[in-house]
Amino acid sequence: MAVVTDIVVALVALLHVYFLVLEMFLWDKPTGLRTFGHTAEHAAASKVLAANQGLYNGFLAAGLVWGLTLGSAGTSVKVFFLACVIVAGVYGAATAAKKILYVQALPAVIALALVLLAR
């Protein structure tokens, strides 16, 4: 169970690394425009804000990786960062796009449930 749990937590971390790349480096590129449904003009105007958001996603990924490196002693770290991901996903779904609930929050909810069950 612990291995499966760590794999799911790692997948959530990888998702946030992907979000970092999209928001920091691909925001105004064709991939970013397609992913977020923005025009080139909107992407250019919001590029700095997106990069800042990407940086925060990187911190979430780093926290999850940190929790994974601590082994069983990292449970509280994983719980904290997964809770942060869930809050960010719920807020994003409420304020930006409902799909964020499924892309960001749902994987974190699954990972958090596994972490808590594996205790």
N, C-alpha and C. Protein backbone atom coordinates (compact mmCIF):
# COMPACT_ATOMS: atom_id res chain seq x y z
N MET A 1 0.82 -1.20 0.00
CA MET A 1 0.00 0.00 0.00
C MET A 1 0.86 1.26 0.00
N ALA A 2 1.96 1.23 0.75
CA ALA A 2 2.82 2.41 0.85
C ALA A 2 3.42 2.76 -0.51
N VAL A 3 3.77 1.76 -1.30
CA VAL A 3 4.37 2.03 -2.61
C VAL A 3 3.34 2.67 -3.54
N VAL A 4 2.14 2.14 -3.55
CA VAL A 4 1.07 2.71 -4.38
C VAL A 4 0.78 4.15 -3.95
N THR A 5 0.72 4.36 -2.65
CA THR A 5 0.48 5.71 -2.12
C THR A 5 1.56 6.67 -2.57
N ASP A 6 2.81 6.27 -2.45
CA ASP A 6 3.92 7.14 -2.87
C ASP A 6 3.90 7.40 -4.37
N ILE A 7 3.49 6.42 -5.15
CA ILE A 7 3.39 6.62 -6.61
C ILE A 7 2.32 7.67 -6.92
N VAL A 8 1.18 7.59 -6.24
CA VAL A 8 0.11 8.56 -6.48
C VAL A 8 0.54 9.96 -6.03
N VAL A 9 1.20 10.06 -4.89
CA VAL A 9 1.72 11.36 -4.43
C VAL A 9 2.74 11.90 -5.44
N ALA A 10 3.60 11.03 -5.94
CA ALA A 10 4.59 11.44 -6.94
C ALA A 10 3.91 11.93 -8.22
N LEU A 11 2.82 11.29 -8.60
CA LEU A 11 2.08 11.73 -9.79
C LEU A 11 1.49 13.12 -9.58
N VAL A 12 0.99 13.38 -8.38
CA VAL A 12 0.49 14.73 -8.08
C VAL A 12 1.64 15.74 -8.16
N ALA A 13 2.79 15.37 -7.63
CA ALA A 13 3.96 16.26 -7.72
C ALA A 13 4.34 16.51 -9.18
N LEU A 14 4.34 15.45 -9.98
CA LEU A 14 4.68 15.61 -11.41
C LEU A 14 3.67 16.49 -12.13
N LEU A 15 2.40 16.36 -11.78
CA LEU A 15 1.39 17.25 -12.36
C LEU A 15 1.74 18.71 -12.09
N HIS A 16 2.20 18.99 -10.87
CA HIS A 16 2.52 20.37 -10.52
C HIS A 16 3.81 20.86 -11.17
N VAL A 17 4.72 19.96 -11.45
CA VAL A 17 5.90 20.33 -12.25
C VAL A 17 5.44 20.69 -13.67
N TYR A 18 4.50 19.90 -14.19
CA TYR A 18 3.94 20.17 -15.51
C TYR A 18 3.23 21.53 -15.52
N PHE A 19 2.45 21.81 -14.47
CA PHE A 19 1.79 23.12 -14.38
C PHE A 19 2.83 24.24 -14.34
N LEU A 20 3.93 24.03 -13.60
CA LEU A 20 5.01 25.01 -13.54
C LEU A 20 5.54 25.30 -14.95
N VAL A 21 5.81 24.25 -15.70
CA VAL A 21 6.35 24.42 -17.06
C VAL A 21 5.34 25.16 -17.94
N LEU A 22 4.07 24.74 -17.88
CA LEU A 22 3.04 25.41 -18.68
C LEU A 22 2.94 26.89 -18.35
N GLU A 23 2.92 27.20 -17.06
CA GLU A 23 2.67 28.58 -16.65
C GLU A 23 3.91 29.47 -16.72
N MET A 24 5.07 28.91 -16.49
CA MET A 24 6.28 29.74 -16.49
C MET A 24 6.93 29.86 -17.86
N PHE A 25 6.84 28.79 -18.66
CA PHE A 25 7.60 28.77 -19.90
C PHE A 25 6.75 28.65 -21.17
N LEU A 26 5.54 28.12 -21.06
CA LEU A 26 4.73 27.88 -22.25
C LEU A 26 3.45 28.72 -22.29
N TRP A 27 3.27 29.61 -21.35
CA TRP A 27 2.04 30.39 -21.23
C TRP A 27 1.65 31.07 -22.53
N ASP A 28 2.61 31.71 -23.20
CA ASP A 28 2.31 32.45 -24.42
C ASP A 28 2.73 31.72 -25.69
N LYS A 29 3.02 30.44 -25.54
CA LYS A 29 3.38 29.59 -26.68
C LYS A 29 2.12 28.82 -27.12
N PRO A 30 2.14 28.21 -28.30
CA PRO A 30 0.95 27.50 -28.77
C PRO A 30 0.40 26.46 -27.78
N THR A 31 1.27 25.73 -27.11
CA THR A 31 0.80 24.73 -26.13
C THR A 31 0.06 25.40 -24.98
N GLY A 32 0.62 26.46 -24.45
CA GLY A 32 -0.02 27.18 -23.35
C GLY A 32 -1.33 27.84 -23.78
N LEU A 33 -1.32 28.45 -24.96
CA LEU A 33 -2.53 29.09 -25.46
C LEU A 33 -3.65 28.06 -25.62
N ARG A 34 -3.31 26.91 -26.17
CA ARG A 34 -4.29 25.83 -26.36
C ARG A 34 -4.78 25.28 -25.03
N THR A 35 -3.85 25.04 -24.12
CA THR A 35 -4.20 24.46 -22.82
C THR A 35 -5.14 25.36 -22.03
N PHE A 36 -4.85 26.65 -22.00
CA PHE A 36 -5.61 27.57 -21.17
C PHE A 36 -6.69 28.34 -21.95
N GLY A 37 -6.72 28.17 -23.27
CA GLY A 37 -7.75 28.82 -24.07
C GLY A 37 -7.65 30.33 -24.11
N HIS A 38 -6.42 30.85 -24.04
CA HIS A 38 -6.20 32.29 -24.07
C HIS A 38 -5.81 32.76 -25.46
N THR A 39 -6.04 34.03 -25.70
CA THR A 39 -5.53 34.64 -26.92
C THR A 39 -4.08 35.04 -26.67
N ALA A 40 -3.36 35.28 -27.73
CA ALA A 40 -1.97 35.73 -27.60
C ALA A 40 -1.89 37.05 -26.84
N GLU A 41 -2.87 37.92 -27.05
CA GLU A 41 -2.88 39.21 -26.37
C GLU A 41 -3.08 39.03 -24.86
N HIS A 42 -4.02 38.19 -24.49
CA HIS A 42 -4.26 37.95 -23.06
C HIS A 42 -3.04 37.29 -22.43
N ALA A 43 -2.45 36.33 -23.13
CA ALA A 43 -1.26 35.65 -22.60
C ALA A 43 -0.12 36.63 -22.39
N ALA A 44 0.07 37.53 -23.33
CA ALA A 44 1.14 38.52 -23.20
C ALA A 44 0.89 39.43 -21.99
N ALA A 45 -0.36 39.81 -21.79
CA ALA A 45 -0.69 40.73 -20.70
C ALA A 45 -0.61 40.05 -19.33
N SER A 46 -0.78 38.73 -19.29
CA SER A 46 -0.82 38.03 -18.00
C SER A 46 0.39 37.12 -17.78
N LYS A 47 1.39 37.24 -18.62
CA LYS A 47 2.55 36.34 -18.57
C LYS A 47 3.27 36.36 -17.22
N VAL A 48 3.47 37.53 -16.66
CA VAL A 48 4.18 37.65 -15.38
C VAL A 48 3.36 37.01 -14.26
N LEU A 49 2.07 37.24 -14.26
CA LEU A 49 1.20 36.62 -13.25
C LEU A 49 1.20 35.10 -13.38
N ALA A 50 1.17 34.61 -14.60
CA ALA A 50 1.19 33.17 -14.82
C ALA A 50 2.50 32.56 -14.34
N ALA A 51 3.60 33.25 -14.58
CA ALA A 51 4.89 32.74 -14.13
C ALA A 51 4.93 32.66 -12.61
N ASN A 52 4.34 33.65 -11.95
CA ASN A 52 4.27 33.64 -10.49
C ASN A 52 3.43 32.45 -10.02
N GLN A 53 2.32 32.21 -10.67
CA GLN A 53 1.47 31.07 -10.34
C GLN A 53 2.21 29.76 -10.58
N GLY A 54 2.97 29.69 -11.65
CA GLY A 54 3.77 28.50 -11.94
C GLY A 54 4.80 28.24 -10.86
N LEU A 55 5.40 29.30 -10.36
CA LEU A 55 6.38 29.16 -9.29
C LEU A 55 5.73 28.54 -8.05
N TYR A 56 4.54 28.99 -7.71
CA TYR A 56 3.83 28.41 -6.57
C TYR A 56 3.52 26.93 -6.79
N ASN A 57 3.17 26.57 -8.01
CA ASN A 57 2.95 25.16 -8.31
C ASN A 57 4.24 24.36 -8.14
N GLY A 58 5.36 24.98 -8.46
CA GLY A 58 6.65 24.33 -8.24
C GLY A 58 6.92 24.10 -6.76
N PHE A 59 6.53 25.06 -5.93
CA PHE A 59 6.70 24.89 -4.48
C PHE A 59 5.84 23.74 -3.96
N LEU A 60 4.64 23.60 -4.49
CA LEU A 60 3.78 22.48 -4.09
C LEU A 60 4.43 21.15 -4.48
N ALA A 61 4.97 21.09 -5.68
CA ALA A 61 5.66 19.88 -6.13
C ALA A 61 6.87 19.59 -5.24
N ALA A 62 7.64 20.63 -4.93
CA ALA A 62 8.82 20.45 -4.09
C ALA A 62 8.45 19.94 -2.70
N GLY A 63 7.37 20.46 -2.14
CA GLY A 63 6.92 19.99 -0.84
C GLY A 63 6.51 18.53 -0.86
N LEU A 64 5.83 18.12 -1.91
CA LEU A 64 5.44 16.71 -2.03
C LEU A 64 6.66 15.80 -2.19
N VAL A 65 7.61 16.25 -2.98
CA VAL A 65 8.84 15.46 -3.15
C VAL A 65 9.59 15.39 -1.82
N TRP A 66 9.64 16.48 -1.11
CA TRP A 66 10.27 16.49 0.22
C TRP A 66 9.60 15.45 1.12
N GLY A 67 8.28 15.46 1.16
CA GLY A 67 7.56 14.48 1.96
C GLY A 67 7.88 13.05 1.54
N LEU A 68 8.01 12.82 0.25
CA LEU A 68 8.35 11.48 -0.24
C LEU A 68 9.75 11.07 0.18
N THR A 69 10.69 12.00 0.19
CA THR A 69 12.07 11.66 0.55
C THR A 69 12.22 11.33 2.04
N LEU A 70 11.27 11.76 2.84
CA LEU A 70 11.34 11.49 4.28
C LEU A 70 10.81 10.11 4.66
N GLY A 71 10.27 9.39 3.69
CA GLY A 71 9.72 8.07 3.98
C GLY A 71 8.52 8.17 4.90
N SER A 72 8.41 7.25 5.83
CA SER A 72 7.25 7.24 6.73
C SER A 72 7.21 8.47 7.62
N ALA A 73 8.35 9.10 7.85
CA ALA A 73 8.39 10.32 8.66
C ALA A 73 7.83 11.53 7.90
N GLY A 74 7.58 11.37 6.61
CA GLY A 74 7.09 12.47 5.79
C GLY A 74 5.58 12.54 5.66
N THR A 75 4.87 11.72 6.41
CA THR A 75 3.41 11.71 6.29
C THR A 75 2.80 13.08 6.53
N SER A 76 3.20 13.75 7.59
CA SER A 76 2.60 15.06 7.89
C SER A 76 2.96 16.09 6.81
N VAL A 77 4.13 15.99 6.23
CA VAL A 77 4.52 16.90 5.15
C VAL A 77 3.65 16.65 3.93
N LYS A 78 3.45 15.37 3.59
CA LYS A 78 2.60 15.04 2.45
C LYS A 78 1.17 15.49 2.70
N VAL A 79 0.66 15.28 3.89
CA VAL A 79 -0.71 15.71 4.21
C VAL A 79 -0.84 17.23 4.05
N PHE A 80 0.12 17.97 4.58
CA PHE A 80 0.07 19.43 4.49
C PHE A 80 0.06 19.89 3.03
N PHE A 81 1.01 19.39 2.22
CA PHE A 81 1.09 19.87 0.85
C PHE A 81 -0.07 19.38 -0.02
N LEU A 82 -0.57 18.18 0.24
CA LEU A 82 -1.75 17.71 -0.49
C LEU A 82 -2.96 18.56 -0.12
N ALA A 83 -3.08 18.93 1.14
CA ALA A 83 -4.17 19.82 1.55
C ALA A 83 -4.05 21.17 0.85
N CYS A 84 -2.84 21.68 0.72
CA CYS A 84 -2.62 22.94 -0.01
C CYS A 84 -3.05 22.81 -1.47
N VAL A 85 -2.71 21.69 -2.09
CA VAL A 85 -3.10 21.44 -3.48
C VAL A 85 -4.63 21.41 -3.60
N ILE A 86 -5.28 20.74 -2.65
CA ILE A 86 -6.74 20.64 -2.68
C ILE A 86 -7.37 22.03 -2.55
N VAL A 87 -6.90 22.82 -1.60
CA VAL A 87 -7.44 24.17 -1.42
C VAL A 87 -7.23 24.99 -2.69
N ALA A 88 -6.03 24.93 -3.27
CA ALA A 88 -5.75 25.67 -4.50
C ALA A 88 -6.66 25.20 -5.63
N GLY A 89 -6.89 23.89 -5.72
CA GLY A 89 -7.75 23.35 -6.77
C GLY A 89 -9.20 23.76 -6.61
N VAL A 90 -9.69 23.73 -5.39
CA VAL A 90 -11.07 24.16 -5.13
C VAL A 90 -11.23 25.65 -5.42
N TYR A 91 -10.26 26.44 -4.97
CA TYR A 91 -10.32 27.88 -5.23
C TYR A 91 -10.25 28.16 -6.74
N GLY A 92 -9.36 27.46 -7.42
CA GLY A 92 -9.25 27.64 -8.87
C GLY A 92 -10.53 27.24 -9.59
N ALA A 93 -11.16 26.18 -9.14
CA ALA A 93 -12.43 25.75 -9.75
C ALA A 93 -13.53 26.77 -9.51
N ALA A 94 -13.51 27.38 -8.33
CA ALA A 94 -14.54 28.37 -7.99
C ALA A 94 -14.33 29.70 -8.70
N THR A 95 -13.08 30.04 -8.99
CA THR A 95 -12.79 31.38 -9.52
C THR A 95 -12.32 31.41 -10.97
N ALA A 96 -11.80 30.31 -11.48
CA ALA A 96 -11.23 30.33 -12.83
C ALA A 96 -11.94 29.36 -13.78
N ALA A 97 -11.83 28.06 -13.52
CA ALA A 97 -12.42 27.06 -14.40
C ALA A 97 -12.75 25.80 -13.61
N LYS A 98 -13.95 25.30 -13.82
CA LYS A 98 -14.40 24.11 -13.08
C LYS A 98 -13.52 22.89 -13.32
N LYS A 99 -12.88 22.80 -14.47
CA LYS A 99 -12.05 21.63 -14.77
C LYS A 99 -10.85 21.52 -13.82
N ILE A 100 -10.47 22.62 -13.18
CA ILE A 100 -9.37 22.59 -12.22
C ILE A 100 -9.69 21.66 -11.06
N LEU A 101 -10.97 21.55 -10.73
CA LEU A 101 -11.38 20.64 -9.66
C LEU A 101 -10.97 19.21 -9.99
N TYR A 102 -11.10 18.83 -11.26
CA TYR A 102 -10.79 17.46 -11.67
C TYR A 102 -9.31 17.26 -11.98
N VAL A 103 -8.68 18.29 -12.52
CA VAL A 103 -7.27 18.17 -12.93
C VAL A 103 -6.31 18.32 -11.75
N GLN A 104 -6.65 19.18 -10.80
CA GLN A 104 -5.75 19.47 -9.70
C GLN A 104 -6.25 18.91 -8.37
N ALA A 105 -7.48 19.22 -7.99
CA ALA A 105 -7.96 18.84 -6.66
C ALA A 105 -8.25 17.35 -6.53
N LEU A 106 -8.91 16.76 -7.52
CA LEU A 106 -9.28 15.34 -7.41
C LEU A 106 -8.08 14.41 -7.25
N PRO A 107 -7.01 14.56 -8.05
CA PRO A 107 -5.85 13.70 -7.82
C PRO A 107 -5.26 13.87 -6.42
N ALA A 108 -5.28 15.10 -5.91
CA ALA A 108 -4.76 15.35 -4.56
C ALA A 108 -5.67 14.74 -3.50
N VAL A 109 -6.97 14.76 -3.71
CA VAL A 109 -7.90 14.13 -2.77
C VAL A 109 -7.64 12.63 -2.71
N ILE A 110 -7.45 12.02 -3.87
CA ILE A 110 -7.16 10.58 -3.93
C ILE A 110 -5.85 10.28 -3.20
N ALA A 111 -4.82 11.09 -3.50
CA ALA A 111 -3.52 10.88 -2.83
C ALA A 111 -3.63 11.08 -1.33
N LEU A 112 -4.35 12.11 -0.91
CA LEU A 112 -4.50 12.35 0.53
C LEU A 112 -5.24 11.20 1.21
N ALA A 113 -6.28 10.70 0.57
CA ALA A 113 -7.00 9.56 1.14
C ALA A 113 -6.07 8.36 1.28
N LEU A 114 -5.24 8.11 0.29
CA LEU A 114 -4.30 6.99 0.36
C LEU A 114 -3.26 7.20 1.48
N VAL A 115 -2.76 8.43 1.58
CA VAL A 115 -1.78 8.73 2.63
C VAL A 115 -2.40 8.49 4.00
N LEU A 116 -3.62 8.94 4.20
CA LEU A 116 -4.27 8.77 5.50
C LEU A 116 -4.62 7.32 5.79
N LEU A 117 -4.98 6.56 4.76
CA LEU A 117 -5.28 5.15 4.93
C LEU A 117 -4.03 4.33 5.21
N ALA A 118 -2.90 4.78 4.69
CA ALA A 118 -1.65 4.03 4.82
C ALA A 118 -0.99 4.27 6.17
N ARG A 119 -1.51 5.16 6.98
CA ARG A 119 -0.92 5.47 8.29
C ARG A 119 -0.88 4.25 9.16
